[in-house]
Structures are given as structure tokens and as C-alpha cells.
């Protein structure tokens, strides 16, 4: 078995992700500008969420989609996985930077293919990389990243805004990857979450950015119990909107014991569909890869759950 396919102690990353259109977008007849992706290869996980700029809604959805797809494709490259597994914290930062560089390049190519200025595809981007040894996170913009280490649940890479509360940096902003790109690495991360800012008022303390721990603790319990993305999407749809009516996107990941785990070198992934299209999922054996265009798989059956008990 290759190093990238190794699983330790029978534990694996259990993941689900979903996006829902915000009430303000629905009122205006608009689609979702958020996107997400995640992929698992052995005991390695890559995940991303992105929030297209509301000032250029519609076209920015393509920026978010392309950025997340790019992170997924590059992050699941077996060579990349092997490099992360052997990386120091400093080397993990370099690997994260390579994913952001690749995402930005893809956004520029997408803009050119649409004959649009790249600013019209402006998007934030939050990325997580993890194996049982270490987790590393990178961010441009105002996404939310929360981690579980032992009994501690905390947010990391909080964006401190100098000006208006509704301003942020985007992947395409001038010098964004030099001045606004933030990273951190931690050992012993047993769960993490990536969210766009549409959930800020529900899952964090707005004044400090601290995590609302009951939400995350309960959500990761659901993931470890086998919750699916369809259930997560249902839960997100029940959350009462804050005053912004923004889209909501969340990826939840937790290390757990799965009696029905896939073969060690199986690659599993999911991502938002292209704007206006359904989400896509996939699975492949050893040596597989995420292609530029996957076939949509049948949706998994949805079971009712009680996510709401951890909501404020």
C-alpha cells in the first residue's frame, strides 16, 4: 500500500457538507453564491468552502465553485497527499499556499473563458488539510474554521476587520495571498468545521469570533454517528436567517471508527455543483483522481435527525 493510502488504528475521516440559498437570495430570485468541496484518501482529508462576493452575485458563484473544485483536484493528488503526510508545519503552510495559488489561477482562467473581469468572480476561500498526525488550515476572507482538540473547541484564523463589518478580502484582491493569506497548523485535531460567514451569528460569538461549542460538539457527534450531507442540508435549511439573509455553507469532519470503512486506498469526494446544478459525489479505487467533470451519483437516502437541539 502506498503511504498516501495508510490508515492508522482503524480510524477514518467521516465528512459531510452542504450549502443552502439564503432568504435574501431567494427573495430576489438569485441562486447560491457559496460552494464547498471535500475529499478523503486513506486517512487524509482535504476540504474547502468559498463565498462568492455579494456585490457581484451570480458571477461570483463561479469563482467560489472553481476555487473549491481546484482545491479538491490538487489536494487529492497522491503526490500532494504523500507530501502532506511527511510535512512539518512550515512545509504544510507551503502546501496550503500551493492550493490557493492553484485556485486563483483557475478562477482567472474561468473568468477569461466567460469574457469577464476576474473581479466579477471574487470569492473568499477557506481550506483544511488533515490526517491523524496534523491538521493545517488556510484562509483568505471571513470564513469560519473551528477545531476540536481533546476537550477544547475553538475557532482559528479569525479575520479581524479594520473597517466596516461587512467588508472582507477576496482571493482576487490585490496582494491577497501576500497580505491576507492566514495559516495555522495543529497536532491532535480530531474534528474540524469550515463555514462561510452566513452562519456567523448562529455558530460563533459575533463580538469575539469564539466558537459556540454546543453546536460544534453536537454536530461532530452526528457526523461520527453516520450523518449524511442530505441531513446536513436539511438542518441548514431550518436555521432562521440572521439580518443578512446570506447563503449558508458548512463542511463537518470528524475522526471516527467506521465499521463499514472503504478500502484503504479508496478515494471519496463531494463538491457543489456548478451554479444552478446539483451537488456531485464520487468514489474511485487506487490510482483514481478527481476529473474536471464527474458524473453525478444518485443522492443518498435522507434520515431525519435532531441537529436543531444544538442551535441557538
C-alpha atoms as a PDB file:
ATOM      1  CA  UNK A   1       0.000   0.000   0.000  1.00  0.00           C
ATOM      2  CA  UNK A   2       1.333   3.492  -0.794  1.00  0.00           C
ATOM      3  CA  UNK A   3       1.987   5.956   2.082  1.00  0.00           C
ATOM      4  CA  UNK A   4      -0.971   8.053   0.909  1.00  0.00           C
ATOM      5  CA  UNK A   5      -3.361   5.156   1.492  1.00  0.00           C
ATOM      6  CA  UNK A   6      -2.315   4.289   5.029  1.00  0.00           C
ATOM      7  CA  UNK A   7      -4.952   4.267   7.801  1.00  0.00           C
ATOM      8  CA  UNK A   8      -3.921   4.062  11.448  1.00  0.00           C
ATOM      9  CA  UNK A   9      -5.829   2.265  14.194  1.00  0.00           C
ATOM     10  CA  UNK A  10      -8.967   1.741  12.075  1.00  0.00           C
ATOM     11  CA  UNK A  11      -9.946   5.407  12.300  1.00  0.00           C
ATOM     12  CA  UNK A  12     -11.029   7.443   9.306  1.00  0.00           C
ATOM     13  CA  UNK A  13     -12.322  10.868   8.482  1.00  0.00           C
ATOM     14  CA  UNK A  14     -16.108  10.967   8.404  1.00  0.00           C
ATOM     15  CA  UNK A  15     -17.313  14.019   6.467  1.00  0.00           C
ATOM     16  CA  UNK A  16     -20.434  15.749   5.223  1.00  0.00           C
ATOM     17  CA  UNK A  17     -21.007  19.111   3.557  1.00  0.00           C
ATOM     18  CA  UNK A  18     -23.877  21.198   2.213  1.00  0.00           C
ATOM     19  CA  UNK A  19     -24.954  24.646   1.028  1.00  0.00           C
ATOM     20  CA  UNK A  20     -28.347  26.336   1.104  1.00  0.00           C
ATOM     21  CA  UNK A  21     -29.539  29.512  -0.593  1.00  0.00           C
ATOM     22  CA  UNK A  22     -30.101  32.433   1.778  1.00  0.00           C
ATOM     23  CA  UNK A  23     -33.501  34.042   2.188  1.00  0.00           C
ATOM     24  CA  UNK A  24     -32.383  37.319   0.617  1.00  0.00           C
ATOM     25  CA  UNK A  25     -31.186  35.496  -2.482  1.00  0.00           C
ATOM     26  CA  UNK A  26     -34.465  33.587  -2.702  1.00  0.00           C
ATOM     27  CA  UNK A  27     -36.445  36.821  -2.326  1.00  0.00           C
ATOM     28  CA  UNK A  28     -34.506  38.328  -5.241  1.00  0.00           C
ATOM     29  CA  UNK A  29     -34.724  35.170  -7.353  1.00  0.00           C
ATOM     30  CA  UNK A  30     -30.994  34.526  -7.144  1.00  0.00           C
ATOM     31  CA  UNK A  31     -29.015  31.334  -6.702  1.00  0.00           C
ATOM     32  CA  UNK A  32     -26.382  30.329  -4.157  1.00  0.00           C
ATOM     33  CA  UNK A  33     -23.000  32.090  -4.357  1.00  0.00           C
ATOM     34  CA  UNK A  34     -21.346  29.698  -1.859  1.00  0.00           C
ATOM     35  CA  UNK A  35     -19.505  26.481  -2.714  1.00  0.00           C
ATOM     36  CA  UNK A  36     -17.798  23.617  -0.907  1.00  0.00           C
ATOM     37  CA  UNK A  37     -15.720  20.525  -1.583  1.00  0.00           C
ATOM     38  CA  UNK A  38     -14.129  17.709   0.360  1.00  0.00           C
ATOM     39  CA  UNK A  39     -12.191  14.557  -0.424  1.00  0.00           C
ATOM     40  CA  UNK A  40     -10.756  11.640   1.510  1.00  0.00           C
ATOM     41  CA  UNK A  41      -7.868   9.375   0.514  1.00  0.00           C
ATOM     42  CA  UNK A  42      -6.988   6.853   3.197  1.00  0.00           C
ATOM     43  CA  UNK A  43      -6.532   8.812   6.411  1.00  0.00           C
ATOM     44  CA  UNK A  44      -6.016  12.133   4.569  1.00  0.00           C
ATOM     45  CA  UNK A  45      -8.706  14.777   4.161  1.00  0.00           C
ATOM     46  CA  UNK A  46      -8.899  17.974   2.144  1.00  0.00           C
ATOM     47  CA  UNK A  47     -11.881  20.335   2.439  1.00  0.00           C
ATOM     48  CA  UNK A  48     -12.782  23.820   1.254  1.00  0.00           C
ATOM     49  CA  UNK A  49     -15.588  26.360   1.439  1.00  0.00           C
ATOM     50  CA  UNK A  50     -15.900  29.590  -0.521  1.00  0.00           C
ATOM     51  CA  UNK A  51     -18.269  32.552  -0.503  1.00  0.00           C
ATOM     52  CA  UNK A  52     -18.753  34.489  -3.726  1.00  0.00           C
ATOM     53  CA  UNK A  53     -18.908  38.258  -3.246  1.00  0.00           C
ATOM     54  CA  UNK A  54     -22.463  39.502  -2.754  1.00  0.00           C
ATOM     55  CA  UNK A  55     -21.662  42.696  -4.663  1.00  0.00           C
ATOM     56  CA  UNK A  56     -21.254  40.628  -7.839  1.00  0.00           C
ATOM     57  CA  UNK A  57     -23.746  37.868  -7.094  1.00  0.00           C
ATOM     58  CA  UNK A  58     -24.253  35.312  -9.837  1.00  0.00           C
ATOM     59  CA  UNK A  59     -20.843  35.621 -11.464  1.00  0.00           C
ATOM     60  CA  UNK A  60     -19.089  35.314  -8.086  1.00  0.00           C
ATOM     61  CA  UNK A  61     -20.723  31.901  -7.680  1.00  0.00           C
ATOM     62  CA  UNK A  62     -18.451  30.682 -10.468  1.00  0.00           C
ATOM     63  CA  UNK A  63     -15.404  31.931  -8.591  1.00  0.00           C
ATOM     64  CA  UNK A  64     -16.433  30.065  -5.444  1.00  0.00           C
ATOM     65  CA  UNK A  65     -17.212  26.891  -7.407  1.00  0.00           C
ATOM     66  CA  UNK A  66     -13.991  26.873  -9.411  1.00  0.00           C
ATOM     67  CA  UNK A  67     -11.853  27.655  -6.343  1.00  0.00           C
ATOM     68  CA  UNK A  68     -13.302  24.744  -4.341  1.00  0.00           C
ATOM     69  CA  UNK A  69     -13.046  22.345  -7.266  1.00  0.00           C
ATOM     70  CA  UNK A  70      -9.427  23.350  -7.793  1.00  0.00           C
ATOM     71  CA  UNK A  71      -8.534  22.735  -4.145  1.00  0.00           C
ATOM     72  CA  UNK A  72     -10.196  19.326  -4.336  1.00  0.00           C
ATOM     73  CA  UNK A  73      -8.436  18.246  -7.520  1.00  0.00           C
ATOM     74  CA  UNK A  74      -4.979  19.413  -6.430  1.00  0.00           C
ATOM     75  CA  UNK A  75      -5.387  18.289  -2.820  1.00  0.00           C
ATOM     76  CA  UNK A  76      -6.305  14.720  -3.761  1.00  0.00           C
ATOM     77  CA  UNK A  77      -3.281  14.290  -5.999  1.00  0.00           C
ATOM     78  CA  UNK A  78      -1.495  11.287  -4.412  1.00  0.00           C
ATOM     79  CA  UNK A  79       1.862  13.075  -4.587  1.00  0.00           C
ATOM     80  CA  UNK A  80       0.363  16.032  -2.697  1.00  0.00           C
ATOM     81  CA  UNK A  81      -1.084  13.655  -0.071  1.00  0.00           C
ATOM     82  CA  UNK A  82       2.296  11.967   0.457  1.00  0.00           C
ATOM     83  CA  UNK A  83       3.984  15.348   0.841  1.00  0.00           C
ATOM     84  CA  UNK A  84       1.472  16.436   3.467  1.00  0.00           C
ATOM     85  CA  UNK A  85       1.875  13.223   5.439  1.00  0.00           C
ATOM     86  CA  UNK A  86       5.610  13.874   5.769  1.00  0.00           C
ATOM     87  CA  UNK A  87       5.350  17.665   6.151  1.00  0.00           C
ATOM     88  CA  UNK A  88       6.451  19.873   9.002  1.00  0.00           C
ATOM     89  CA  UNK A  89       4.199  22.771   9.998  1.00  0.00           C
ATOM     90  CA  UNK A  90       6.229  25.123   7.792  1.00  0.00           C
ATOM     91  CA  UNK A  91       6.002  22.722   4.852  1.00  0.00           C
ATOM     92  CA  UNK A  92       2.238  22.366   5.393  1.00  0.00           C
ATOM     93  CA  UNK A  93       1.972  26.145   5.025  1.00  0.00           C
ATOM     94  CA  UNK A  94       3.738  25.902   1.677  1.00  0.00           C
ATOM     95  CA  UNK A  95       1.372  23.152   0.579  1.00  0.00           C
ATOM     96  CA  UNK A  96      -1.614  25.301   1.531  1.00  0.00           C
ATOM     97  CA  UNK A  97      -0.182  28.206  -0.427  1.00  0.00           C
ATOM     98  CA  UNK A  98       0.135  25.977  -3.489  1.00  0.00           C
ATOM     99  CA  UNK A  99      -3.580  25.135  -3.244  1.00  0.00           C
ATOM    100  CA  UNK A 100      -4.525  28.812  -3.023  1.00  0.00           C
ATOM    101  CA  UNK A 101      -2.245  29.655  -5.953  1.00  0.00           C
ATOM    102  CA  UNK A 102      -3.892  26.898  -7.986  1.00  0.00           C
ATOM    103  CA  UNK A 103      -7.380  28.044  -7.013  1.00  0.00           C
ATOM    104  CA  UNK A 104      -6.614  31.633  -8.023  1.00  0.00           C
ATOM    105  CA  UNK A 105      -5.178  30.504 -11.367  1.00  0.00           C
ATOM    106  CA  UNK A 106      -8.345  28.508 -12.076  1.00  0.00           C
ATOM    107  CA  UNK A 107     -10.560  31.477 -11.197  1.00  0.00           C
ATOM    108  CA  UNK A 108      -8.644  33.660 -13.651  1.00  0.00           C
ATOM    109  CA  UNK A 109      -8.996  31.005 -16.353  1.00  0.00           C
ATOM    110  CA  UNK A 110     -12.714  30.715 -15.662  1.00  0.00           C
ATOM    111  CA  UNK A 111     -13.139  34.483 -15.897  1.00  0.00           C
ATOM    112  CA  UNK A 112     -11.279  34.531 -19.219  1.00  0.00           C
ATOM    113  CA  UNK A 113     -13.476  31.729 -20.576  1.00  0.00           C
ATOM    114  CA  UNK A 114     -16.541  33.821 -19.671  1.00  0.00           C
ATOM    115  CA  UNK A 115     -15.025  37.037 -21.104  1.00  0.00           C
ATOM    116  CA  UNK A 116     -15.347  38.662 -17.668  1.00  0.00           C
ATOM    117  CA  UNK A 117     -13.032  40.624 -15.442  1.00  0.00           C
ATOM    118  CA  UNK A 118     -11.748  38.341 -12.668  1.00  0.00           C
ATOM    119  CA  UNK A 119     -13.137  40.753 -10.054  1.00  0.00           C
ATOM    120  CA  UNK A 120     -16.625  39.656 -11.088  1.00  0.00           C
ATOM    121  CA  UNK A 121     -15.746  36.176  -9.783  1.00  0.00           C
ATOM    122  CA  UNK A 122     -14.497  37.458  -6.415  1.00  0.00           C
ATOM    123  CA  UNK A 123     -14.631  34.871  -3.641  1.00  0.00           C
ATOM    124  CA  UNK A 124     -13.312  34.083  -0.197  1.00  0.00           C
ATOM    125  CA  UNK A 125     -11.643  30.704   0.395  1.00  0.00           C
ATOM    126  CA  UNK A 126     -11.098  28.552   3.490  1.00  0.00           C
ATOM    127  CA  UNK A 127      -9.176  25.253   3.281  1.00  0.00           C
ATOM    128  CA  UNK A 128      -8.440  22.424   5.709  1.00  0.00           C
ATOM    129  CA  UNK A 129      -5.914  19.591   5.329  1.00  0.00           C
ATOM    130  CA  UNK A 130      -5.705  16.804   7.888  1.00  0.00           C
ATOM    131  CA  UNK A 131      -4.517  13.364   8.790  1.00  0.00           C
ATOM    132  CA  UNK A 132      -4.399  11.814  12.271  1.00  0.00           C
ATOM    133  CA  UNK A 133      -0.990  13.428  12.890  1.00  0.00           C
ATOM    134  CA  UNK A 134      -1.636  17.062  11.990  1.00  0.00           C
ATOM    135  CA  UNK A 135      -4.209  19.471  10.589  1.00  0.00           C
ATOM    136  CA  UNK A 136      -3.384  22.643   8.675  1.00  0.00           C
ATOM    137  CA  UNK A 137      -5.727  25.453   7.727  1.00  0.00           C
ATOM    138  CA  UNK A 138      -5.521  28.390   5.340  1.00  0.00           C
ATOM    139  CA  UNK A 139      -7.886  31.256   4.708  1.00  0.00           C
ATOM    140  CA  UNK A 140      -8.469  34.421   2.734  1.00  0.00           C
ATOM    141  CA  UNK A 141     -11.605  36.270   3.819  1.00  0.00           C
ATOM    142  CA  UNK A 142     -14.135  35.935   6.607  1.00  0.00           C
ATOM    143  CA  UNK A 143     -14.911  32.225   6.700  1.00  0.00           C
ATOM    144  CA  UNK A 144     -15.208  30.302   9.969  1.00  0.00           C
ATOM    145  CA  UNK A 145     -12.827  27.488  10.920  1.00  0.00           C
ATOM    146  CA  UNK A 146     -13.403  25.551  14.154  1.00  0.00           C
ATOM    147  CA  UNK A 147     -11.326  22.688  15.567  1.00  0.00           C
ATOM    148  CA  UNK A 148     -11.659  20.020  18.238  1.00  0.00           C
ATOM    149  CA  UNK A 149      -8.500  19.039  20.141  1.00  0.00           C
ATOM    150  CA  UNK A 150      -9.197  16.885  23.152  1.00  0.00           C
ATOM    151  CA  UNK A 151     -11.996  18.638  25.023  1.00  0.00           C
ATOM    152  CA  UNK A 152     -11.142  22.041  23.555  1.00  0.00           C
ATOM    153  CA  UNK A 153     -13.255  23.546  20.762  1.00  0.00           C
ATOM    154  CA  UNK A 154     -12.032  26.799  19.296  1.00  0.00           C
ATOM    155  CA  UNK A 155     -12.099  28.928  16.173  1.00  0.00           C
ATOM    156  CA  UNK A 156      -8.862  29.725  14.352  1.00  0.00           C
ATOM    157  CA  UNK A 157      -7.718  32.295  11.776  1.00  0.00           C
ATOM    158  CA  UNK A 158     -10.441  34.771  12.748  1.00  0.00           C
ATOM    159  CA  UNK A 159     -10.447  37.754  10.414  1.00  0.00           C
ATOM    160  CA  UNK A 160     -10.090  40.994  12.356  1.00  0.00           C
ATOM    161  CA  UNK A 161     -11.799  43.716  10.361  1.00  0.00           C
ATOM    162  CA  UNK A 162     -10.267  47.181  10.460  1.00  0.00           C
ATOM    163  CA  UNK A 163     -13.123  48.902   8.680  1.00  0.00           C
ATOM    164  CA  UNK A 164     -16.783  48.099   8.085  1.00  0.00           C
ATOM    165  CA  UNK A 165     -18.070  44.799   9.461  1.00  0.00           C
ATOM    166  CA  UNK A 166     -19.348  43.660   6.043  1.00  0.00           C
ATOM    167  CA  UNK A 167     -16.018  44.110   4.238  1.00  0.00           C
ATOM    168  CA  UNK A 168     -13.504  41.339   3.661  1.00  0.00           C
ATOM    169  CA  UNK A 169     -10.620  40.263   1.462  1.00  0.00           C
ATOM    170  CA  UNK A 170     -11.143  38.096  -1.589  1.00  0.00           C
ATOM    171  CA  UNK A 171      -8.885  35.638  -3.338  1.00  0.00           C
ATOM    172  CA  UNK A 172      -8.588  38.089  -6.250  1.00  0.00           C
ATOM    173  CA  UNK A 173      -7.965  41.157  -4.064  1.00  0.00           C
ATOM    174  CA  UNK A 174      -4.705  42.966  -4.713  1.00  0.00           C
ATOM    175  CA  UNK A 175      -1.861  41.216  -2.838  1.00  0.00           C
ATOM    176  CA  UNK A 176      -4.392  38.960  -1.098  1.00  0.00           C
ATOM    177  CA  UNK A 177      -2.038  35.978  -0.986  1.00  0.00           C
ATOM    178  CA  UNK A 178       0.749  38.192   0.370  1.00  0.00           C
ATOM    179  CA  UNK A 179      -1.182  40.286   2.893  1.00  0.00           C
ATOM    180  CA  UNK A 180      -4.452  38.453   3.707  1.00  0.00           C
ATOM    181  CA  UNK A 181      -3.493  34.777   3.487  1.00  0.00           C
ATOM    182  CA  UNK A 182      -3.539  33.298   7.001  1.00  0.00           C
ATOM    183  CA  UNK A 183      -2.460  29.793   8.040  1.00  0.00           C
ATOM    184  CA  UNK A 184      -2.137  27.667  11.151  1.00  0.00           C
ATOM    185  CA  UNK A 185      -1.210  24.062  11.941  1.00  0.00           C
ATOM    186  CA  UNK A 186      -2.090  21.921  14.958  1.00  0.00           C
ATOM    187  CA  UNK A 187      -1.368  18.411  16.184  1.00  0.00           C
ATOM    188  CA  UNK A 188      -4.106  16.294  17.701  1.00  0.00           C
ATOM    189  CA  UNK A 189      -7.069  17.689  15.765  1.00  0.00           C
ATOM    190  CA  UNK A 190      -9.882  15.126  15.978  1.00  0.00           C
ATOM    191  CA  UNK A 191     -12.572  17.191  14.222  1.00  0.00           C
ATOM    192  CA  UNK A 192     -12.953  20.450  12.338  1.00  0.00           C
ATOM    193  CA  UNK A 193     -15.551  22.544  10.570  1.00  0.00           C
ATOM    194  CA  UNK A 194     -15.376  25.033   7.709  1.00  0.00           C
ATOM    195  CA  UNK A 195     -18.200  27.533   7.213  1.00  0.00           C
ATOM    196  CA  UNK A 196     -18.952  30.623   5.209  1.00  0.00           C
ATOM    197  CA  UNK A 197     -19.956  33.765   7.089  1.00  0.00           C
ATOM    198  CA  UNK A 198     -23.677  33.159   6.594  1.00  0.00           C
ATOM    199  CA  UNK A 199     -23.618  31.172   9.845  1.00  0.00           C
ATOM    200  CA  UNK A 200     -21.587  33.683  11.866  1.00  0.00           C
ATOM    201  CA  UNK A 201     -24.480  34.797  14.063  1.00  0.00           C
ATOM    202  CA  UNK A 202     -25.523  31.205  14.778  1.00  0.00           C
ATOM    203  CA  UNK A 203     -22.277  29.353  15.479  1.00  0.00           C
ATOM    204  CA  UNK A 204     -19.890  31.997  16.847  1.00  0.00           C
ATOM    205  CA  UNK A 205     -19.822  34.890  19.287  1.00  0.00           C
ATOM    206  CA  UNK A 206     -20.039  37.818  16.894  1.00  0.00           C
ATOM    207  CA  UNK A 207     -18.033  40.124  19.177  1.00  0.00           C
ATOM    208  CA  UNK A 208     -15.083  37.769  19.700  1.00  0.00           C
ATOM    209  CA  UNK A 209     -15.386  35.139  16.960  1.00  0.00           C
ATOM    210  CA  UNK A 210     -15.287  32.367  19.583  1.00  0.00           C
ATOM    211  CA  UNK A 211     -16.981  29.078  18.717  1.00  0.00           C
ATOM    212  CA  UNK A 212     -20.457  28.290  20.042  1.00  0.00           C
ATOM    213  CA  UNK A 213     -19.303  24.997  21.448  1.00  0.00           C
ATOM    214  CA  UNK A 214     -22.649  23.160  21.841  1.00  0.00           C
ATOM    215  CA  UNK A 215     -23.279  23.497  18.104  1.00  0.00           C
ATOM    216  CA  UNK A 216     -19.936  22.089  17.048  1.00  0.00           C
ATOM    217  CA  UNK A 217     -19.811  19.362  19.685  1.00  0.00           C
ATOM    218  CA  UNK A 218     -23.277  18.127  18.773  1.00  0.00           C
ATOM    219  CA  UNK A 219     -22.663  18.391  15.034  1.00  0.00           C
ATOM    220  CA  UNK A 220     -19.484  16.331  15.202  1.00  0.00           C
ATOM    221  CA  UNK A 221     -21.353  13.742  17.273  1.00  0.00           C
ATOM    222  CA  UNK A 222     -23.836  13.456  14.405  1.00  0.00           C
ATOM    223  CA  UNK A 223     -21.051  13.033  11.864  1.00  0.00           C
ATOM    224  CA  UNK A 224     -19.460  10.268  13.927  1.00  0.00           C
ATOM    225  CA  UNK A 225     -22.866   8.602  14.128  1.00  0.00           C
ATOM    226  CA  UNK A 226     -23.039   8.483  10.330  1.00  0.00           C
ATOM    227  CA  UNK A 227     -24.920  11.666   9.383  1.00  0.00           C
ATOM    228  CA  UNK A 228     -25.036  12.353   5.640  1.00  0.00           C
ATOM    229  CA  UNK A 229     -24.827  15.545   3.623  1.00  0.00           C
ATOM    230  CA  UNK A 230     -28.550  15.389   2.885  1.00  0.00           C
ATOM    231  CA  UNK A 231     -29.303  15.590   6.579  1.00  0.00           C
ATOM    232  CA  UNK A 232     -26.887  18.478   6.992  1.00  0.00           C
ATOM    233  CA  UNK A 233     -28.543  20.350   4.142  1.00  0.00           C
ATOM    234  CA  UNK A 234     -31.925  19.782   5.758  1.00  0.00           C
ATOM    235  CA  UNK A 235     -30.617  21.186   9.029  1.00  0.00           C
ATOM    236  CA  UNK A 236     -29.110  24.262   7.370  1.00  0.00           C
ATOM    237  CA  UNK A 237     -32.463  24.920   5.721  1.00  0.00           C
ATOM    238  CA  UNK A 238     -34.178  25.062   9.126  1.00  0.00           C
ATOM    239  CA  UNK A 239     -31.844  27.681  10.593  1.00  0.00           C
ATOM    240  CA  UNK A 240     -33.586  31.018  10.934  1.00  0.00           C
ATOM    241  CA  UNK A 241     -31.744  33.611   8.872  1.00  0.00           C
ATOM    242  CA  UNK A 242     -29.949  36.491  10.532  1.00  0.00           C
ATOM    243  CA  UNK A 243     -30.469  40.030   9.293  1.00  0.00           C
ATOM    244  CA  UNK A 244     -28.266  39.436   6.244  1.00  0.00           C
ATOM    245  CA  UNK A 245     -30.280  36.574   4.707  1.00  0.00           C
ATOM    246  CA  UNK A 246     -26.971  35.211   3.396  1.00  0.00           C
ATOM    247  CA  UNK A 247     -26.263  31.784   1.899  1.00  0.00           C
ATOM    248  CA  UNK A 248     -25.097  29.137   4.375  1.00  0.00           C
ATOM    249  CA  UNK A 249     -22.403  26.536   3.767  1.00  0.00           C
ATOM    250  CA  UNK A 250     -20.838  24.076   6.184  1.00  0.00           C
ATOM    251  CA  UNK A 251     -18.383  21.177   5.960  1.00  0.00           C
ATOM    252  CA  UNK A 252     -18.083  18.978   9.067  1.00  0.00           C
ATOM    253  CA  UNK A 253     -15.272  16.436   9.516  1.00  0.00           C
ATOM    254  CA  UNK A 254     -14.512  14.146  12.442  1.00  0.00           C
ATOM    255  CA  UNK A 255     -12.194  11.222  13.050  1.00  0.00           C
ATOM    256  CA  UNK A 256     -14.262   8.194  13.951  1.00  0.00           C
ATOM    257  CA  UNK A 257     -14.411   4.432  13.933  1.00  0.00           C
ATOM    258  CA  UNK A 258     -16.332   3.217  10.896  1.00  0.00           C
ATOM    259  CA  UNK A 259     -17.166  -0.487  10.852  1.00  0.00           C
ATOM    260  CA  UNK A 260     -18.027  -0.172   7.150  1.00  0.00           C
ATOM    261  CA  UNK A 261     -14.959   1.789   6.127  1.00  0.00           C
ATOM    262  CA  UNK A 262     -13.989   1.862   2.466  1.00  0.00           C
ATOM    263  CA  UNK A 263     -10.900   0.061   1.201  1.00  0.00           C
ATOM    264  CA  UNK A 264      -7.736   1.870   2.394  1.00  0.00           C
ATOM    265  CA  UNK A 265      -6.841   3.400  -0.961  1.00  0.00           C
ATOM    266  CA  UNK A 266     -10.367   4.335  -1.989  1.00  0.00           C
ATOM    267  CA  UNK A 267     -10.807   7.990  -2.846  1.00  0.00           C
ATOM    268  CA  UNK A 268     -14.110   9.610  -1.883  1.00  0.00           C
ATOM    269  CA  UNK A 269     -15.150  13.137  -2.735  1.00  0.00           C
ATOM    270  CA  UNK A 270     -18.079  15.547  -2.957  1.00  0.00           C
ATOM    271  CA  UNK A 271     -18.475  19.119  -4.110  1.00  0.00           C
ATOM    272  CA  UNK A 272     -21.022  21.728  -5.012  1.00  0.00           C
ATOM    273  CA  UNK A 273     -22.383  21.514  -8.493  1.00  0.00           C
ATOM    274  CA  UNK A 274     -21.731  24.282 -10.980  1.00  0.00           C
ATOM    275  CA  UNK A 275     -24.000  27.280 -10.294  1.00  0.00           C
ATOM    276  CA  UNK A 276     -27.573  26.129 -10.874  1.00  0.00           C
ATOM    277  CA  UNK A 277     -26.615  22.429 -10.885  1.00  0.00           C
ATOM    278  CA  UNK A 278     -26.941  19.726  -8.190  1.00  0.00           C
ATOM    279  CA  UNK A 279     -24.039  18.709  -5.940  1.00  0.00           C
ATOM    280  CA  UNK A 280     -21.783  15.902  -7.122  1.00  0.00           C
ATOM    281  CA  UNK A 281     -20.188  12.954  -5.318  1.00  0.00           C
ATOM    282  CA  UNK A 282     -17.798  10.237  -6.397  1.00  0.00           C
ATOM    283  CA  UNK A 283     -15.617   7.328  -5.379  1.00  0.00           C
ATOM    284  CA  UNK A 284     -12.713   5.575  -7.080  1.00  0.00           C
ATOM    285  CA  UNK A 285     -10.194   2.860  -6.341  1.00  0.00           C
ATOM    286  CA  UNK A 286      -6.430   3.044  -6.070  1.00  0.00           C
ATOM    287  CA  UNK A 287      -4.893   5.435  -8.563  1.00  0.00           C
ATOM    288  CA  UNK A 288      -8.166   7.286  -9.178  1.00  0.00           C
ATOM    289  CA  UNK A 289      -8.450  11.036  -9.448  1.00  0.00           C
ATOM    290  CA  UNK A 290     -10.951  13.838  -9.438  1.00  0.00           C
ATOM    291  CA  UNK A 291     -11.588  14.689 -13.077  1.00  0.00           C
ATOM    292  CA  UNK A 292     -12.631  18.037 -14.471  1.00  0.00           C
ATOM    293  CA  UNK A 293     -16.175  16.721 -14.983  1.00  0.00           C
ATOM    294  CA  UNK A 294     -17.549  13.946 -12.778  1.00  0.00           C
ATOM    295  CA  UNK A 295     -20.797  12.075 -13.268  1.00  0.00           C
ATOM    296  CA  UNK A 296     -23.472  12.918 -10.739  1.00  0.00           C
ATOM    297  CA  UNK A 297     -24.200   9.984  -8.435  1.00  0.00           C
ATOM    298  CA  UNK A 298     -27.649   9.124  -7.011  1.00  0.00           C
ATOM    299  CA  UNK A 299     -28.380  11.041  -3.823  1.00  0.00           C
ATOM    300  CA  UNK A 300     -28.074   9.088  -0.591  1.00  0.00           C
ATOM    301  CA  UNK A 301     -31.257   8.411   1.327  1.00  0.00           C
ATOM    302  CA  UNK A 302     -32.005  11.025   3.970  1.00  0.00           C
ATOM    303  CA  UNK A 303     -32.823  10.173   7.549  1.00  0.00           C
ATOM    304  CA  UNK A 304     -34.361  12.621   9.987  1.00  0.00           C
ATOM    305  CA  UNK A 305     -32.066  13.906  12.712  1.00  0.00           C
ATOM    306  CA  UNK A 306     -32.139  16.351  15.596  1.00  0.00           C
ATOM    307  CA  UNK A 307     -29.423  18.781  14.628  1.00  0.00           C
ATOM    308  CA  UNK A 308     -31.609  21.646  15.846  1.00  0.00           C
ATOM    309  CA  UNK A 309     -31.115  20.852  19.505  1.00  0.00           C
ATOM    310  CA  UNK A 310     -27.618  22.410  19.312  1.00  0.00           C
ATOM    311  CA  UNK A 311     -28.722  25.582  17.550  1.00  0.00           C
ATOM    312  CA  UNK A 312     -29.142  28.833  19.382  1.00  0.00           C
END
